[in-house]
Amino acid sequence: MIDLHTHTIFSDGLLVPSELVRYAVVRGYRAVALTDHGDHSNLDFIVPRIVRVSAVLTKAHGIPVLPGIELTFVPPDHIADMAIQARSLGAKIVVVHGETIVEPVMPGTNLAALKAPIDILAHPGLLTEEEAGLAAERGIYLEITTRRGHSLTNGHVVRVARERGAFLVMNNDAHLPDDLVGQDRARKIAAGAGLTGNEIEAMFFHSQALVEQITVAD
């Protein structure tokens, strides 16, 4: 299992990065991205610290620990600029908090994110076919999530992604140890969202491919 969307005490998670990664390693995870919530107020505080600790934890545990950010509730007109800023600070993976139906994200966030230099649109809610097509065109991954609430629209995301040829990844959006569900439960959640066995394998492959793309670029 790979989780490319996690949170630590640098936003609303309960664990310091070292704890979160250690729990993931013990539970058999093969890669983790640290992607705390960021906006104009804290981007320059979070990213350099996550970059520093990710290097230490990658060496200590022998798995890729990717420094990243989840741009969260950022006004749509600012998403692209903030993604560029995050990269300049050292973020290797940029996630955007999509228009989940359980939180009041600004309309237009999904579309703005998919036009920006990002990697993953997290829990995109009732995204449109146009948005799924843009994700496919630009090589941006759409997230299927194991997190309660956000997962309510997994089936819709699967359907429109399939219709438009967009790639999926599955993340836990982990905030505490019990959120690291592991691959067996992840498979069941994916099947419940309507993915076939082959599609589930392809989704896991996409996560691995993204990790390899980032680590090779380093």
Protein backbone atom coordinates (compact mmCIF):
# COMPACT_ATOMS: atom_id res chain seq x y z
CA MET A 1 0.00 0.00 0.00
CA ILE A 2 1.09 3.55 -0.75
CA ASP A 3 -0.45 6.65 0.82
CA LEU A 4 0.25 9.91 -1.00
CA HIS A 5 -2.04 12.06 1.19
CA THR A 6 -1.33 12.24 4.94
CA HIS A 7 -1.40 14.80 7.74
CA THR A 8 0.77 15.40 10.80
CA ILE A 9 0.83 17.91 13.64
CA PHE A 10 1.89 20.51 11.08
CA SER A 11 -1.82 20.73 10.25
CA ASP A 12 -4.67 18.67 11.72
CA GLY A 13 -2.98 15.28 12.20
CA LEU A 14 -2.24 13.80 15.63
CA LEU A 15 1.29 12.53 15.03
CA VAL A 16 4.68 14.06 14.35
CA PRO A 17 6.06 12.92 10.97
CA SER A 18 8.37 10.33 12.52
CA GLU A 19 5.44 8.66 14.28
CA LEU A 20 3.21 8.63 11.22
CA VAL A 21 5.88 7.14 8.98
CA ARG A 22 6.84 4.52 11.55
CA TYR A 23 3.22 3.37 11.87
CA ALA A 24 3.03 3.16 8.08
CA VAL A 25 6.23 1.13 7.85
CA VAL A 26 5.10 -1.33 10.54
CA ARG A 27 1.82 -1.80 8.67
CA GLY A 28 3.60 -2.64 5.45
CA TYR A 29 3.34 0.61 3.51
CA ARG A 30 5.90 0.99 0.71
CA ALA A 31 5.81 4.78 0.36
CA VAL A 32 4.24 7.76 2.11
CA ALA A 33 3.81 11.41 1.22
CA LEU A 34 3.52 14.03 3.97
CA THR A 35 0.97 16.53 2.67
CA ASP A 36 -0.23 18.79 5.44
CA HIS A 37 -2.89 21.42 4.81
CA GLY A 38 -1.40 24.63 3.48
CA ASP A 39 -2.52 28.07 2.37
CA HIS A 40 -1.04 31.57 2.20
CA SER A 41 -0.54 31.63 5.97
CA ASN A 42 1.70 28.62 6.47
CA LEU A 43 3.14 27.29 3.21
CA ASP A 44 6.61 28.70 3.88
CA PHE A 45 6.52 27.28 7.41
CA ILE A 46 5.38 23.74 6.62
CA VAL A 47 7.17 22.74 3.44
CA PRO A 48 10.81 23.32 4.46
CA ARG A 49 10.28 21.35 7.69
CA ILE A 50 8.61 18.48 5.88
CA VAL A 51 11.42 18.47 3.30
CA ARG A 52 14.01 18.18 6.08
CA VAL A 53 12.29 15.39 8.02
CA SER A 54 11.37 13.45 4.86
CA ALA A 55 15.03 13.08 3.95
CA VAL A 56 15.82 11.74 7.41
CA LEU A 57 12.90 9.29 7.43
CA THR A 58 13.57 8.01 3.92
CA LYS A 59 17.10 7.07 4.94
CA ALA A 60 16.03 5.62 8.30
CA HIS A 61 13.22 3.40 7.04
CA GLY A 62 14.29 2.57 3.52
CA ILE A 63 11.03 3.64 1.87
CA PRO A 64 10.31 6.84 -0.06
CA VAL A 65 8.93 9.53 2.23
CA LEU A 66 7.89 12.35 -0.07
CA PRO A 67 7.62 15.95 1.11
CA GLY A 68 4.46 17.59 -0.10
CA ILE A 69 1.52 19.84 0.63
CA GLU A 70 -2.25 19.76 0.33
CA LEU A 71 -3.40 23.19 -0.78
CA THR A 72 -6.61 23.56 1.18
CA PHE A 73 -9.49 26.02 0.74
CA VAL A 74 -7.17 28.20 -1.32
CA PRO A 75 -9.18 30.60 -3.52
CA PRO A 76 -9.26 29.13 -7.03
CA ASP A 77 -7.46 32.08 -8.62
CA HIS A 78 -4.47 31.49 -6.33
CA ILE A 79 -4.06 27.72 -6.66
CA ALA A 80 -1.63 27.72 -9.59
CA ASP A 81 0.67 30.32 -8.03
CA MET A 82 0.67 28.50 -4.71
CA ALA A 83 1.48 25.20 -6.39
CA ILE A 84 4.48 26.82 -8.05
CA GLN A 85 5.55 28.34 -4.74
CA ALA A 86 5.26 24.97 -3.00
CA ARG A 87 7.52 23.39 -5.62
CA SER A 88 10.06 26.17 -5.18
CA LEU A 89 10.14 25.45 -1.45
CA GLY A 90 10.90 21.78 -2.10
CA ALA A 91 7.52 20.04 -2.25
CA LYS A 92 7.83 16.94 -4.41
CA ILE A 93 4.11 16.24 -4.53
CA VAL A 94 1.33 18.82 -4.65
CA VAL A 95 -2.20 17.80 -3.73
CA VAL A 96 -5.23 20.06 -3.87
CA HIS A 97 -8.19 19.67 -1.52
CA GLY A 98 -11.00 19.09 -3.98
CA GLU A 99 -14.68 19.95 -3.80
CA THR A 100 -15.71 17.23 -1.35
CA ILE A 101 -19.43 17.33 -0.57
CA VAL A 102 -18.82 17.32 3.20
CA GLU A 103 -16.90 20.62 3.40
CA PRO A 104 -17.68 24.08 1.94
CA VAL A 105 -14.84 24.28 -0.59
CA MET A 106 -15.16 27.20 -3.00
CA PRO A 107 -16.84 26.35 -6.31
CA GLY A 108 -14.32 26.31 -9.12
CA THR A 109 -11.61 24.70 -6.99
CA ASN A 110 -11.57 21.45 -8.97
CA LEU A 111 -11.26 23.18 -12.33
CA ALA A 112 -8.59 25.63 -11.14
CA ALA A 113 -6.59 22.79 -9.59
CA LEU A 114 -6.71 20.77 -12.79
CA LYS A 115 -5.29 23.72 -14.72
CA ALA A 116 -2.44 24.12 -12.20
CA PRO A 117 0.89 22.24 -11.93
CA ILE A 118 -0.30 19.68 -9.37
CA ASP A 119 -0.12 15.91 -8.99
CA ILE A 120 -3.36 14.82 -7.28
CA LEU A 121 -6.85 16.26 -6.92
CA ALA A 122 -8.01 14.87 -3.59
CA HIS A 123 -11.60 13.78 -2.88
CA PRO A 124 -12.99 15.78 -5.82
CA GLY A 125 -16.63 15.19 -4.91
CA LEU A 126 -19.12 15.51 -7.77
CA LEU A 127 -16.55 16.49 -10.35
CA THR A 128 -17.82 16.94 -13.88
CA GLU A 129 -16.96 14.93 -16.95
CA GLU A 130 -15.21 18.02 -18.31
CA GLU A 131 -13.00 18.09 -15.20
CA ALA A 132 -12.27 14.36 -15.46
CA GLY A 133 -11.32 14.86 -19.10
CA LEU A 134 -8.96 17.68 -18.14
CA ALA A 135 -7.36 15.45 -15.51
CA ALA A 136 -6.79 12.79 -18.17
CA GLU A 137 -5.39 15.33 -20.62
CA ARG A 138 -2.96 16.84 -18.10
CA GLY A 139 -1.92 13.62 -16.34
CA ILE A 140 -3.32 14.66 -12.96
CA TYR A 141 -4.48 11.82 -10.74
CA LEU A 142 -7.96 11.77 -9.21
CA GLU A 143 -8.20 10.42 -5.69
CA ILE A 144 -10.33 7.60 -4.41
CA THR A 145 -10.25 7.93 -0.65
CA THR A 146 -10.70 5.61 2.29
CA ARG A 147 -11.57 8.55 4.57
CA ARG A 148 -15.11 8.67 5.92
CA GLY A 149 -17.24 11.47 4.56
CA HIS A 150 -14.96 12.20 1.64
CA SER A 151 -15.49 8.65 0.41
CA LEU A 152 -19.22 9.20 -0.15
CA THR A 153 -18.59 10.23 -3.77
CA ASN A 154 -16.00 7.57 -4.62
CA GLY A 155 -18.46 5.80 -6.91
CA HIS A 156 -19.15 8.96 -8.86
CA VAL A 157 -15.44 9.69 -9.23
CA VAL A 158 -14.85 6.15 -10.51
CA ARG A 159 -17.63 6.48 -13.08
CA VAL A 160 -16.57 9.80 -14.61
CA ALA A 161 -12.88 8.87 -14.49
CA ARG A 162 -13.64 5.66 -16.36
CA GLU A 163 -15.70 7.49 -18.96
CA ARG A 164 -13.00 10.08 -19.64
CA GLY A 165 -9.89 7.94 -19.19
CA ALA A 166 -8.55 9.71 -16.08
CA PHE A 167 -6.09 7.91 -13.82
CA LEU A 168 -6.99 7.11 -10.22
CA VAL A 169 -4.96 6.72 -7.06
CA MET A 170 -6.19 5.59 -3.67
CA ASN A 171 -5.15 7.44 -0.53
CA ASN A 172 -6.05 7.19 3.13
CA ASP A 173 -5.94 10.94 3.90
CA ALA A 174 -4.44 9.67 7.15
CA HIS A 175 -4.58 11.88 10.23
CA LEU A 176 -3.92 9.20 12.86
CA PRO A 177 -2.68 5.59 12.94
CA ASP A 178 -6.06 3.92 12.48
CA ASP A 179 -6.54 5.80 9.19
CA LEU A 180 -3.79 3.66 7.63
CA VAL A 181 -6.20 0.99 6.48
CA GLY A 182 -3.79 -1.28 4.62
CA GLN A 183 -4.14 -2.89 1.22
CA ASP A 184 -6.79 -5.51 2.02
CA ARG A 185 -9.31 -2.98 3.30
CA ALA A 186 -8.34 -0.56 0.54
CA ARG A 187 -9.23 -3.22 -2.02
CA LYS A 188 -12.65 -3.69 -0.44
CA ILE A 189 -13.33 0.05 -0.43
CA ALA A 190 -12.26 0.24 -4.06
CA ALA A 191 -14.53 -2.66 -5.00
CA GLY A 192 -17.37 -0.96 -3.14
CA ALA A 193 -16.81 2.11 -5.32
CA GLY A 194 -17.36 -0.03 -8.40
CA LEU A 195 -13.79 -0.73 -9.52
CA THR A 196 -13.05 -4.10 -11.11
CA GLY A 197 -10.13 -6.23 -10.00
CA ASN A 198 -8.04 -5.09 -12.95
CA GLU A 199 -8.91 -1.46 -12.30
CA ILE A 200 -7.88 -1.81 -8.66
CA GLU A 201 -4.50 -3.19 -9.70
CA ALA A 202 -4.10 -0.35 -12.19
CA MET A 203 -4.92 2.19 -9.48
CA PHE A 204 -2.25 0.80 -7.17
CA PHE A 205 0.18 0.79 -10.08
CA HIS A 206 -0.52 4.50 -10.67
CA SER A 207 0.54 5.29 -7.10
CA GLN A 208 3.75 3.33 -7.55
CA ALA A 209 4.43 5.00 -10.89
CA LEU A 210 3.99 8.46 -9.38
CA VAL A 211 6.41 7.63 -6.57
CA GLU A 212 8.96 6.31 -9.07
CA GLN A 213 8.54 9.38 -11.27
CA ILE A 214 9.27 11.67 -8.32
CA THR A 215 12.17 9.69 -6.90
CA VAL A 216 13.85 9.22 -10.29
CA ALA A 217 13.59 12.95 -10.91
CA ASP A 218 15.53 13.51 -7.67
